[in-house]
mmCIF file of all heavy atoms, coordinates in Angstrom:
data_MODEL
# 
_entry.id   MODEL 
# 
loop_
_atom_site.group_PDB 
_atom_site.id 
_atom_site.type_symbol 
_atom_site.label_atom_id 
_atom_site.label_alt_id 
_atom_site.label_comp_id 
_atom_site.label_asym_id 
_atom_site.label_entity_id 
_atom_site.label_seq_id 
_atom_site.pdbx_PDB_ins_code 
_atom_site.Cartn_x 
_atom_site.Cartn_y 
_atom_site.Cartn_z 
_atom_site.occupancy 
_atom_site.B_iso_or_equiv 
_atom_site.pdbx_formal_charge 
_atom_site.auth_seq_id 
_atom_site.auth_comp_id 
_atom_site.auth_asym_id 
_atom_site.auth_atom_id 
_atom_site.pdbx_PDB_model_num 
ATOM 1   N N   . ARG A 1 1  ? 0.792  -22.736 -3.833  1.00 0.00 ? 1  ARG A N   1 
ATOM 2   C CA  . ARG A 1 1  ? -0.229 -21.934 -4.492  1.00 0.00 ? 1  ARG A CA  1 
ATOM 3   C C   . ARG A 1 1  ? -1.327 -22.859 -4.996  1.00 0.00 ? 1  ARG A C   1 
ATOM 4   O O   . ARG A 1 1  ? -1.057 -23.988 -5.408  1.00 0.00 ? 1  ARG A O   1 
ATOM 5   C CB  . ARG A 1 1  ? 0.352  -21.149 -5.678  1.00 0.00 ? 1  ARG A CB  1 
ATOM 6   C CG  . ARG A 1 1  ? 1.450  -20.159 -5.300  1.00 0.00 ? 1  ARG A CG  1 
ATOM 7   C CD  . ARG A 1 1  ? 0.860  -18.967 -4.521  1.00 0.00 ? 1  ARG A CD  1 
ATOM 8   N NE  . ARG A 1 1  ? 1.881  -17.970 -4.233  1.00 0.00 ? 1  ARG A NE  1 
ATOM 9   C CZ  . ARG A 1 1  ? 2.687  -17.981 -3.198  1.00 0.00 ? 1  ARG A CZ  1 
ATOM 10  N NH1 . ARG A 1 1  ? 2.600  -18.987 -2.313  1.00 0.00 ? 1  ARG A NH1 1 
ATOM 11  N NH2 . ARG A 1 1  ? 3.578  -17.035 -2.997  1.00 0.00 ? 1  ARG A NH2 1 
ATOM 12  N N   . GLU A 1 2  ? -2.572 -22.369 -4.999  1.00 0.00 ? 2  GLU A N   1 
ATOM 13  C CA  . GLU A 1 2  ? -3.691 -23.212 -5.421  1.00 0.00 ? 2  GLU A CA  1 
ATOM 14  C C   . GLU A 1 2  ? -3.581 -23.615 -6.887  1.00 0.00 ? 2  GLU A C   1 
ATOM 15  O O   . GLU A 1 2  ? -4.065 -24.677 -7.280  1.00 0.00 ? 2  GLU A O   1 
ATOM 16  C CB  . GLU A 1 2  ? -5.017 -22.461 -5.188  1.00 0.00 ? 2  GLU A CB  1 
ATOM 17  C CG  . GLU A 1 2  ? -5.383 -22.288 -3.713  1.00 0.00 ? 2  GLU A CG  1 
ATOM 18  C CD  . GLU A 1 2  ? -6.740 -21.646 -3.531  1.00 0.00 ? 2  GLU A CD  1 
ATOM 19  O OE1 . GLU A 1 2  ? -7.371 -21.332 -4.573  1.00 0.00 ? 2  GLU A OE1 1 
ATOM 20  O OE2 . GLU A 1 2  ? -7.170 -21.468 -2.380  1.00 0.00 ? 2  GLU A OE2 1 
ATOM 21  N N   . ASN A 1 3  ? -2.959 -22.774 -7.705  1.00 0.00 ? 3  ASN A N   1 
ATOM 22  C CA  . ASN A 1 3  ? -2.876 -23.072 -9.134  1.00 0.00 ? 3  ASN A CA  1 
ATOM 23  C C   . ASN A 1 3  ? -1.610 -23.838 -9.512  1.00 0.00 ? 3  ASN A C   1 
ATOM 24  O O   . ASN A 1 3  ? -1.275 -23.960 -10.681 1.00 0.00 ? 3  ASN A O   1 
ATOM 25  C CB  . ASN A 1 3  ? -2.963 -21.781 -9.952  1.00 0.00 ? 3  ASN A CB  1 
ATOM 26  C CG  . ASN A 1 3  ? -1.830 -20.822 -9.640  1.00 0.00 ? 3  ASN A CG  1 
ATOM 27  O OD1 . ASN A 1 3  ? -1.195 -20.923 -8.593  1.00 0.00 ? 3  ASN A OD1 1 
ATOM 28  N ND2 . ASN A 1 3  ? -1.581 -19.887 -10.546 1.00 0.00 ? 3  ASN A ND2 1 
ATOM 29  N N   . ILE A 1 4  ? -0.876 -24.343 -8.516  1.00 0.00 ? 4  ILE A N   1 
ATOM 30  C CA  . ILE A 1 4  ? 0.327  -25.130 -8.775  1.00 0.00 ? 4  ILE A CA  1 
ATOM 31  C C   . ILE A 1 4  ? 0.135  -26.538 -8.223  1.00 0.00 ? 4  ILE A C   1 
ATOM 32  O O   . ILE A 1 4  ? -0.223 -26.725 -7.058  1.00 0.00 ? 4  ILE A O   1 
ATOM 33  C CB  . ILE A 1 4  ? 1.572  -24.486 -8.126  1.00 0.00 ? 4  ILE A CB  1 
ATOM 34  C CG1 . ILE A 1 4  ? 1.882  -23.143 -8.787  1.00 0.00 ? 4  ILE A CG1 1 
ATOM 35  C CG2 . ILE A 1 4  ? 2.781  -25.419 -8.258  1.00 0.00 ? 4  ILE A CG2 1 
ATOM 36  C CD1 . ILE A 1 4  ? 3.072  -22.430 -8.180  1.00 0.00 ? 4  ILE A CD1 1 
ATOM 37  N N   . THR A 1 5  ? 0.341  -27.527 -9.065  1.00 0.00 ? 5  THR A N   1 
ATOM 38  C CA  . THR A 1 5  ? 0.276  -28.930 -8.658  1.00 0.00 ? 5  THR A CA  1 
ATOM 39  C C   . THR A 1 5  ? 1.685  -29.496 -8.641  1.00 0.00 ? 5  THR A C   1 
ATOM 40  O O   . THR A 1 5  ? 2.424  -29.353 -9.622  1.00 0.00 ? 5  THR A O   1 
ATOM 41  C CB  . THR A 1 5  ? -0.590 -29.741 -9.635  1.00 0.00 ? 5  THR A CB  1 
ATOM 42  O OG1 . THR A 1 5  ? -1.915 -29.208 -9.639  1.00 0.00 ? 5  THR A OG1 1 
ATOM 43  C CG2 . THR A 1 5  ? -0.636 -31.209 -9.219  1.00 0.00 ? 5  THR A CG2 1 
ATOM 44  N N   . VAL A 1 6  ? 2.055  -30.118 -7.553  1.00 0.00 ? 6  VAL A N   1 
ATOM 45  C CA  . VAL A 1 6  ? 3.384  -30.711 -7.416  1.00 0.00 ? 6  VAL A CA  1 
ATOM 46  C C   . VAL A 1 6  ? 3.255  -32.229 -7.488  1.00 0.00 ? 6  VAL A C   1 
ATOM 47  O O   . VAL A 1 6  ? 2.481  -32.838 -6.743  1.00 0.00 ? 6  VAL A O   1 
ATOM 48  C CB  . VAL A 1 6  ? 4.042  -30.300 -6.079  1.00 0.00 ? 6  VAL A CB  1 
ATOM 49  C CG1 . VAL A 1 6  ? 5.402  -30.986 -5.934  1.00 0.00 ? 6  VAL A CG1 1 
ATOM 50  C CG2 . VAL A 1 6  ? 4.201  -28.792 -5.999  1.00 0.00 ? 6  VAL A CG2 1 
ATOM 51  N N   . ARG A 1 7  ? 3.999  -32.838 -8.378  1.00 0.00 ? 7  ARG A N   1 
ATOM 52  C CA  . ARG A 1 7  ? 4.050  -34.293 -8.470  1.00 0.00 ? 7  ARG A CA  1 
ATOM 53  C C   . ARG A 1 7  ? 5.482  -34.735 -8.183  1.00 0.00 ? 7  ARG A C   1 
ATOM 54  O O   . ARG A 1 7  ? 6.408  -34.299 -8.867  1.00 0.00 ? 7  ARG A O   1 
ATOM 55  C CB  . ARG A 1 7  ? 3.657  -34.767 -9.866  1.00 0.00 ? 7  ARG A CB  1 
ATOM 56  C CG  . ARG A 1 7  ? 2.229  -34.522 -10.264 1.00 0.00 ? 7  ARG A CG  1 
ATOM 57  C CD  . ARG A 1 7  ? 1.933  -35.357 -11.506 1.00 0.00 ? 7  ARG A CD  1 
ATOM 58  N NE  . ARG A 1 7  ? 0.870  -34.794 -12.313 1.00 0.00 ? 7  ARG A NE  1 
ATOM 59  C CZ  . ARG A 1 7  ? 0.514  -35.288 -13.496 1.00 0.00 ? 7  ARG A CZ  1 
ATOM 60  N NH1 . ARG A 1 7  ? 1.164  -36.323 -13.995 1.00 0.00 ? 7  ARG A NH1 1 
ATOM 61  N NH2 . ARG A 1 7  ? -0.475 -34.736 -14.174 1.00 0.00 ? 7  ARG A NH2 1 
ATOM 62  N N   . LEU A 1 8  ? 5.646  -35.593 -7.205  1.00 0.00 ? 8  LEU A N   1 
ATOM 63  C CA  . LEU A 1 8  ? 6.960  -36.108 -6.859  1.00 0.00 ? 8  LEU A CA  1 
ATOM 64  C C   . LEU A 1 8  ? 7.146  -37.515 -7.414  1.00 0.00 ? 8  LEU A C   1 
ATOM 65  O O   . LEU A 1 8  ? 6.160  -38.222 -7.664  1.00 0.00 ? 8  LEU A O   1 
ATOM 66  C CB  . LEU A 1 8  ? 7.154  -36.109 -5.339  1.00 0.00 ? 8  LEU A CB  1 
ATOM 67  C CG  . LEU A 1 8  ? 7.007  -34.742 -4.649  1.00 0.00 ? 8  LEU A CG  1 
ATOM 68  C CD1 . LEU A 1 8  ? 7.149  -34.902 -3.141  1.00 0.00 ? 8  LEU A CD1 1 
ATOM 69  C CD2 . LEU A 1 8  ? 8.028  -33.756 -5.177  1.00 0.00 ? 8  LEU A CD2 1 
ATOM 70  N N   . SER A 1 9  ? 8.396  -37.908 -7.614  1.00 0.00 ? 9  SER A N   1 
ATOM 71  C CA  . SER A 1 9  ? 8.720  -39.247 -8.144  1.00 0.00 ? 9  SER A CA  1 
ATOM 72  C C   . SER A 1 9  ? 7.932  -39.521 -9.418  1.00 0.00 ? 9  SER A C   1 
ATOM 73  O O   . SER A 1 9  ? 7.372  -40.610 -9.613  1.00 0.00 ? 9  SER A O   1 
ATOM 74  C CB  . SER A 1 9  ? 8.423  -40.325 -7.090  1.00 0.00 ? 9  SER A CB  1 
ATOM 75  O OG  . SER A 1 9  ? 9.150  -40.092 -5.909  1.00 0.00 ? 9  SER A OG  1 
ATOM 76  N N   . CYS A 1 10 ? 7.876  -38.518 -10.258 1.00 0.00 ? 10 CYS A N   1 
ATOM 77  C CA  . CYS A 1 10 ? 7.091  -38.610 -11.488 1.00 0.00 ? 10 CYS A CA  1 
ATOM 78  C C   . CYS A 1 10 ? 8.023  -38.442 -12.681 1.00 0.00 ? 10 CYS A C   1 
ATOM 79  O O   . CYS A 1 10 ? 8.716  -37.425 -12.798 1.00 0.00 ? 10 CYS A O   1 
ATOM 80  C CB  . CYS A 1 10 ? 6.014  -37.518 -11.494 1.00 0.00 ? 10 CYS A CB  1 
ATOM 81  S SG  . CYS A 1 10 ? 5.036  -37.463 -12.998 1.00 0.00 ? 10 CYS A SG  1 
ATOM 82  N N   . ASP A 1 11 ? 8.062  -39.424 -13.558 1.00 0.00 ? 11 ASP A N   1 
ATOM 83  C CA  . ASP A 1 11 ? 8.903  -39.374 -14.748 1.00 0.00 ? 11 ASP A CA  1 
ATOM 84  C C   . ASP A 1 11 ? 8.246  -38.484 -15.797 1.00 0.00 ? 11 ASP A C   1 
ATOM 85  O O   . ASP A 1 11 ? 7.120  -38.729 -16.223 1.00 0.00 ? 11 ASP A O   1 
ATOM 86  C CB  . ASP A 1 11 ? 9.098  -40.786 -15.300 1.00 0.00 ? 11 ASP A CB  1 
ATOM 87  C CG  . ASP A 1 11 ? 10.075 -40.838 -16.472 1.00 0.00 ? 11 ASP A CG  1 
ATOM 88  O OD1 . ASP A 1 11 ? 10.498 -39.769 -16.951 1.00 0.00 ? 11 ASP A OD1 1 
ATOM 89  O OD2 . ASP A 1 11 ? 10.427 -41.959 -16.896 1.00 0.00 ? 11 ASP A OD2 1 
ATOM 90  N N   . TYR A 1 12 ? 8.957  -37.451 -16.200 1.00 0.00 ? 12 TYR A N   1 
ATOM 91  C CA  . TYR A 1 12 ? 8.420  -36.524 -17.206 1.00 0.00 ? 12 TYR A CA  1 
ATOM 92  C C   . TYR A 1 12 ? 7.982  -37.277 -18.466 1.00 0.00 ? 12 TYR A C   1 
ATOM 93  O O   . TYR A 1 12 ? 6.939  -36.971 -19.064 1.00 0.00 ? 12 TYR A O   1 
ATOM 94  C CB  . TYR A 1 12 ? 9.470  -35.473 -17.560 1.00 0.00 ? 12 TYR A CB  1 
ATOM 95  C CG  . TYR A 1 12 ? 9.127  -34.623 -18.760 1.00 0.00 ? 12 TYR A CG  1 
ATOM 96  C CD1 . TYR A 1 12 ? 8.243  -33.544 -18.651 1.00 0.00 ? 12 TYR A CD1 1 
ATOM 97  C CD2 . TYR A 1 12 ? 9.669  -34.903 -20.014 1.00 0.00 ? 12 TYR A CD2 1 
ATOM 98  C CE1 . TYR A 1 12 ? 7.912  -32.784 -19.754 1.00 0.00 ? 12 TYR A CE1 1 
ATOM 99  C CE2 . TYR A 1 12 ? 9.343  -34.136 -21.118 1.00 0.00 ? 12 TYR A CE2 1 
ATOM 100 C CZ  . TYR A 1 12 ? 8.464  -33.086 -20.988 1.00 0.00 ? 12 TYR A CZ  1 
ATOM 101 O OH  . TYR A 1 12 ? 8.132  -32.330 -22.083 1.00 0.00 ? 12 TYR A OH  1 
ATOM 102 N N   . PHE A 1 13 ? 8.765  -38.274 -18.856 1.00 0.00 ? 13 PHE A N   1 
ATOM 103 C CA  . PHE A 1 13 ? 8.479  -38.991 -20.092 1.00 0.00 ? 13 PHE A CA  1 
ATOM 104 C C   . PHE A 1 13 ? 7.352  -40.014 -19.931 1.00 0.00 ? 13 PHE A C   1 
ATOM 105 O O   . PHE A 1 13 ? 6.940  -40.647 -20.903 1.00 0.00 ? 13 PHE A O   1 
ATOM 106 C CB  . PHE A 1 13 ? 9.754  -39.671 -20.599 1.00 0.00 ? 13 PHE A CB  1 
ATOM 107 C CG  . PHE A 1 13 ? 10.862 -38.686 -20.862 1.00 0.00 ? 13 PHE A CG  1 
ATOM 108 C CD1 . PHE A 1 13 ? 11.892 -38.516 -19.948 1.00 0.00 ? 13 PHE A CD1 1 
ATOM 109 C CD2 . PHE A 1 13 ? 10.843 -37.901 -21.997 1.00 0.00 ? 13 PHE A CD2 1 
ATOM 110 C CE1 . PHE A 1 13 ? 12.892 -37.595 -20.178 1.00 0.00 ? 13 PHE A CE1 1 
ATOM 111 C CE2 . PHE A 1 13 ? 11.844 -36.972 -22.239 1.00 0.00 ? 13 PHE A CE2 1 
ATOM 112 C CZ  . PHE A 1 13 ? 12.870 -36.815 -21.328 1.00 0.00 ? 13 PHE A CZ  1 
ATOM 113 N N   . GLY A 1 14 ? 6.866  -40.145 -18.693 1.00 0.00 ? 14 GLY A N   1 
ATOM 114 C CA  . GLY A 1 14 ? 5.730  -41.018 -18.470 1.00 0.00 ? 14 GLY A CA  1 
ATOM 115 C C   . GLY A 1 14 ? 4.406  -40.269 -18.455 1.00 0.00 ? 14 GLY A C   1 
ATOM 116 O O   . GLY A 1 14 ? 3.339  -40.872 -18.334 1.00 0.00 ? 14 GLY A O   1 
ATOM 117 N N   . ILE A 1 15 ? 4.454  -38.954 -18.593 1.00 0.00 ? 15 ILE A N   1 
ATOM 118 C CA  . ILE A 1 15 ? 3.244  -38.139 -18.589 1.00 0.00 ? 15 ILE A CA  1 
ATOM 119 C C   . ILE A 1 15 ? 2.559  -38.232 -19.951 1.00 0.00 ? 15 ILE A C   1 
ATOM 120 O O   . ILE A 1 15 ? 3.214  -38.225 -20.999 1.00 0.00 ? 15 ILE A O   1 
ATOM 121 C CB  . ILE A 1 15 ? 3.587  -36.671 -18.274 1.00 0.00 ? 15 ILE A CB  1 
ATOM 122 C CG1 . ILE A 1 15 ? 4.220  -36.553 -16.886 1.00 0.00 ? 15 ILE A CG1 1 
ATOM 123 C CG2 . ILE A 1 15 ? 2.346  -35.786 -18.361 1.00 0.00 ? 15 ILE A CG2 1 
ATOM 124 C CD1 . ILE A 1 15 ? 4.716  -35.160 -16.558 1.00 0.00 ? 15 ILE A CD1 1 
ATOM 125 N N   . ASP A 1 16 ? 1.250  -38.292 -19.948 1.00 0.00 ? 16 ASP A N   1 
ATOM 126 C CA  . ASP A 1 16 ? 0.476  -38.304 -21.188 1.00 0.00 ? 16 ASP A CA  1 
ATOM 127 C C   . ASP A 1 16 ? 0.724  -36.987 -21.925 1.00 0.00 ? 16 ASP A C   1 
ATOM 128 O O   . ASP A 1 16 ? 0.346  -35.915 -21.451 1.00 0.00 ? 16 ASP A O   1 
ATOM 129 C CB  . ASP A 1 16 ? -1.011 -38.464 -20.856 1.00 0.00 ? 16 ASP A CB  1 
ATOM 130 C CG  . ASP A 1 16 ? -1.885 -38.527 -22.113 1.00 0.00 ? 16 ASP A CG  1 
ATOM 131 O OD1 . ASP A 1 16 ? -1.349 -38.371 -23.234 1.00 0.00 ? 16 ASP A OD1 1 
ATOM 132 O OD2 . ASP A 1 16 ? -3.108 -38.692 -21.960 1.00 0.00 ? 16 ASP A OD2 1 
ATOM 133 N N   . SER A 1 17 ? 1.368  -37.059 -23.070 1.00 0.00 ? 17 SER A N   1 
ATOM 134 C CA  . SER A 1 17 ? 1.756  -35.840 -23.796 1.00 0.00 ? 17 SER A CA  1 
ATOM 135 C C   . SER A 1 17 ? 0.558  -34.984 -24.192 1.00 0.00 ? 17 SER A C   1 
ATOM 136 O O   . SER A 1 17 ? 0.680  -33.768 -24.343 1.00 0.00 ? 17 SER A O   1 
ATOM 137 C CB  . SER A 1 17 ? 2.558  -36.214 -25.046 1.00 0.00 ? 17 SER A CB  1 
ATOM 138 O OG  . SER A 1 17 ? 1.794  -37.043 -25.912 1.00 0.00 ? 17 SER A OG  1 
ATOM 139 N N   . SER A 1 18 ? -0.616 -35.595 -24.350 1.00 0.00 ? 18 SER A N   1 
ATOM 140 C CA  . SER A 1 18 ? -1.798 -34.824 -24.759 1.00 0.00 ? 18 SER A CA  1 
ATOM 141 C C   . SER A 1 18 ? -2.241 -33.840 -23.677 1.00 0.00 ? 18 SER A C   1 
ATOM 142 O O   . SER A 1 18 ? -2.904 -32.840 -23.972 1.00 0.00 ? 18 SER A O   1 
ATOM 143 C CB  . SER A 1 18 ? -2.953 -35.772 -25.101 1.00 0.00 ? 18 SER A CB  1 
ATOM 144 O OG  . SER A 1 18 ? -3.374 -36.500 -23.945 1.00 0.00 ? 18 SER A OG  1 
ATOM 145 N N   . THR A 1 19 ? -1.869 -34.115 -22.417 1.00 0.00 ? 19 THR A N   1 
ATOM 146 C CA  . THR A 1 19 ? -2.284 -33.240 -21.315 1.00 0.00 ? 19 THR A CA  1 
ATOM 147 C C   . THR A 1 19 ? -1.409 -31.997 -21.206 1.00 0.00 ? 19 THR A C   1 
ATOM 148 O O   . THR A 1 19 ? -1.763 -31.052 -20.503 1.00 0.00 ? 19 THR A O   1 
ATOM 149 C CB  . THR A 1 19 ? -2.237 -33.993 -19.969 1.00 0.00 ? 19 THR A CB  1 
ATOM 150 O OG1 . THR A 1 19 ? -0.879 -34.370 -19.688 1.00 0.00 ? 19 THR A OG1 1 
ATOM 151 C CG2 . THR A 1 19 ? -3.104 -35.232 -20.022 1.00 0.00 ? 19 THR A CG2 1 
ATOM 152 N N   . ILE A 1 20 ? -0.275 -31.997 -21.888 1.00 0.00 ? 20 ILE A N   1 
ATOM 153 C CA  . ILE A 1 20 ? 0.628  -30.849 -21.788 1.00 0.00 ? 20 ILE A CA  1 
ATOM 154 C C   . ILE A 1 20 ? 1.015  -30.292 -23.157 1.00 0.00 ? 20 ILE A C   1 
ATOM 155 O O   . ILE A 1 20 ? 1.882  -29.436 -23.267 1.00 0.00 ? 20 ILE A O   1 
ATOM 156 C CB  . ILE A 1 20 ? 1.927  -31.225 -21.034 1.00 0.00 ? 20 ILE A CB  1 
ATOM 157 C CG1 . ILE A 1 20 ? 2.637  -32.390 -21.722 1.00 0.00 ? 20 ILE A CG1 1 
ATOM 158 C CG2 . ILE A 1 20 ? 1.628  -31.552 -19.582 1.00 0.00 ? 20 ILE A CG2 1 
ATOM 159 C CD1 . ILE A 1 20 ? 3.994  -32.734 -21.121 1.00 0.00 ? 20 ILE A CD1 1 
ATOM 160 N N   . SER A 1 21 ? 0.336  -30.740 -24.195 1.00 0.00 ? 21 SER A N   1 
ATOM 161 C CA  . SER A 1 21 ? 0.730  -30.377 -25.557 1.00 0.00 ? 21 SER A CA  1 
ATOM 162 C C   . SER A 1 21 ? 0.619  -28.886 -25.829 1.00 0.00 ? 21 SER A C   1 
ATOM 163 O O   . SER A 1 21 ? 1.366  -28.342 -26.651 1.00 0.00 ? 21 SER A O   1 
ATOM 164 C CB  . SER A 1 21 ? -0.106 -31.163 -26.573 1.00 0.00 ? 21 SER A CB  1 
ATOM 165 O OG  . SER A 1 21 ? -1.496 -30.913 -26.373 1.00 0.00 ? 21 SER A OG  1 
ATOM 166 N N   . ASN A 1 22 ? -0.313 -28.208 -25.158 1.00 0.00 ? 22 ASN A N   1 
ATOM 167 C CA  . ASN A 1 22 ? -0.495 -26.773 -25.397 1.00 0.00 ? 22 ASN A CA  1 
ATOM 168 C C   . ASN A 1 22 ? 0.068  -25.910 -24.274 1.00 0.00 ? 22 ASN A C   1 
ATOM 169 O O   . ASN A 1 22 ? -0.222 -24.720 -24.187 1.00 0.00 ? 22 ASN A O   1 
ATOM 170 C CB  . ASN A 1 22 ? -1.988 -26.458 -25.580 1.00 0.00 ? 22 ASN A CB  1 
ATOM 171 C CG  . ASN A 1 22 ? -2.552 -27.108 -26.833 1.00 0.00 ? 22 ASN A CG  1 
ATOM 172 O OD1 . ASN A 1 22 ? -1.905 -27.104 -27.879 1.00 0.00 ? 22 ASN A OD1 1 
ATOM 173 N ND2 . ASN A 1 22 ? -3.744 -27.671 -26.723 1.00 0.00 ? 22 ASN A ND2 1 
ATOM 174 N N   . CYS A 1 23 ? 0.870  -26.517 -23.399 1.00 0.00 ? 23 CYS A N   1 
ATOM 175 C CA  . CYS A 1 23 ? 1.428  -25.792 -22.263 1.00 0.00 ? 23 CYS A CA  1 
ATOM 176 C C   . CYS A 1 23 ? 2.833  -25.272 -22.589 1.00 0.00 ? 23 CYS A C   1 
ATOM 177 O O   . CYS A 1 23 ? 3.540  -25.823 -23.429 1.00 0.00 ? 23 CYS A O   1 
ATOM 178 C CB  . CYS A 1 23 ? 1.518  -26.713 -21.043 1.00 0.00 ? 23 CYS A CB  1 
ATOM 179 S SG  . CYS A 1 23 ? -0.069 -27.347 -20.455 1.00 0.00 ? 23 CYS A SG  1 
ATOM 180 N N   . THR A 1 24 ? 3.206  -24.205 -21.899 1.00 0.00 ? 24 THR A N   1 
ATOM 181 C CA  . THR A 1 24 ? 4.594  -23.761 -21.931 1.00 0.00 ? 24 THR A CA  1 
ATOM 182 C C   . THR A 1 24 ? 5.358  -24.569 -20.890 1.00 0.00 ? 24 THR A C   1 
ATOM 183 O O   . THR A 1 24 ? 5.001  -24.585 -19.714 1.00 0.00 ? 24 THR A O   1 
ATOM 184 C CB  . THR A 1 24 ? 4.713  -22.260 -21.610 1.00 0.00 ? 24 THR A CB  1 
ATOM 185 O OG1 . THR A 1 24 ? 4.047  -21.523 -22.630 1.00 0.00 ? 24 THR A OG1 1 
ATOM 186 C CG2 . THR A 1 24 ? 6.165  -21.822 -21.535 1.00 0.00 ? 24 THR A CG2 1 
ATOM 187 N N   . ILE A 1 25 ? 6.397  -25.241 -21.295 1.00 0.00 ? 25 ILE A N   1 
ATOM 188 C CA  . ILE A 1 25 ? 7.124  -26.156 -20.426 1.00 0.00 ? 25 ILE A CA  1 
ATOM 189 C C   . ILE A 1 25 ? 8.519  -25.623 -20.154 1.00 0.00 ? 25 ILE A C   1 
ATOM 190 O O   . ILE A 1 25 ? 9.247  -25.237 -21.073 1.00 0.00 ? 25 ILE A O   1 
ATOM 191 C CB  . ILE A 1 25 ? 7.210  -27.561 -21.062 1.00 0.00 ? 25 ILE A CB  1 
ATOM 192 C CG1 . ILE A 1 25 ? 5.809  -28.156 -21.217 1.00 0.00 ? 25 ILE A CG1 1 
ATOM 193 C CG2 . ILE A 1 25 ? 8.093  -28.488 -20.218 1.00 0.00 ? 25 ILE A CG2 1 
ATOM 194 C CD1 . ILE A 1 25 ? 5.787  -29.440 -22.026 1.00 0.00 ? 25 ILE A CD1 1 
ATOM 195 N N   . ILE A 1 26 ? 8.882  -25.568 -18.867 1.00 0.00 ? 26 ILE A N   1 
ATOM 196 C CA  . ILE A 1 26 ? 10.250 -25.245 -18.455 1.00 0.00 ? 26 ILE A CA  1 
ATOM 197 C C   . ILE A 1 26 ? 10.903 -26.565 -18.079 1.00 0.00 ? 26 ILE A C   1 
ATOM 198 O O   . ILE A 1 26 ? 10.552 -27.179 -17.067 1.00 0.00 ? 26 ILE A O   1 
ATOM 199 C CB  . ILE A 1 26 ? 10.283 -24.278 -17.262 1.00 0.00 ? 26 ILE A CB  1 
ATOM 200 C CG1 . ILE A 1 26 ? 9.429  -23.044 -17.536 1.00 0.00 ? 26 ILE A CG1 1 
ATOM 201 C CG2 . ILE A 1 26 ? 11.732 -23.897 -16.939 1.00 0.00 ? 26 ILE A CG2 1 
ATOM 202 C CD1 . ILE A 1 26 ? 9.896  -22.187 -18.676 1.00 0.00 ? 26 ILE A CD1 1 
ATOM 203 N N   . TYR A 1 27 ? 11.843 -27.016 -18.874 1.00 0.00 ? 27 TYR A N   1 
ATOM 204 C CA  . TYR A 1 27 ? 12.495 -28.304 -18.650 1.00 0.00 ? 27 TYR A CA  1 
ATOM 205 C C   . TYR A 1 27 ? 13.872 -28.064 -18.036 1.00 0.00 ? 27 TYR A C   1 
ATOM 206 O O   . TYR A 1 27 ? 14.714 -27.378 -18.616 1.00 0.00 ? 27 TYR A O   1 
ATOM 207 C CB  . TYR A 1 27 ? 12.624 -29.066 -19.969 1.00 0.00 ? 27 TYR A CB  1 
ATOM 208 C CG  . TYR A 1 27 ? 13.274 -30.427 -19.822 1.00 0.00 ? 27 TYR A CG  1 
ATOM 209 C CD1 . TYR A 1 27 ? 12.537 -31.538 -19.413 1.00 0.00 ? 27 TYR A CD1 1 
ATOM 210 C CD2 . TYR A 1 27 ? 14.628 -30.604 -20.087 1.00 0.00 ? 27 TYR A CD2 1 
ATOM 211 C CE1 . TYR A 1 27 ? 13.129 -32.791 -19.270 1.00 0.00 ? 27 TYR A CE1 1 
ATOM 212 C CE2 . TYR A 1 27 ? 15.233 -31.854 -19.947 1.00 0.00 ? 27 TYR A CE2 1 
ATOM 213 C CZ  . TYR A 1 27 ? 14.477 -32.933 -19.537 1.00 0.00 ? 27 TYR A CZ  1 
ATOM 214 O OH  . TYR A 1 27 ? 15.070 -34.158 -19.390 1.00 0.00 ? 27 TYR A OH  1 
ATOM 215 N N   . SER A 1 28 ? 14.115 -28.637 -16.843 1.00 0.00 ? 28 SER A N   1 
ATOM 216 C CA  . SER A 1 28 ? 15.392 -28.439 -16.151 1.00 0.00 ? 28 SER A CA  1 
ATOM 217 C C   . SER A 1 28 ? 16.141 -29.747 -15.929 1.00 0.00 ? 28 SER A C   1 
ATOM 218 O O   . SER A 1 28 ? 17.079 -29.801 -15.141 1.00 0.00 ? 28 SER A O   1 
ATOM 219 C CB  . SER A 1 28 ? 15.160 -27.738 -14.801 1.00 0.00 ? 28 SER A CB  1 
ATOM 220 O OG  . SER A 1 28 ? 14.331 -28.527 -13.964 1.00 0.00 ? 28 SER A OG  1 
# 
């Protein structure tokens, strides 16, 4: 889908927290 970005080999804890601070996160 155009509104979905897939990142592979990406450590969740390496993501800049400011970019997802206001997002709803599903953690699996």
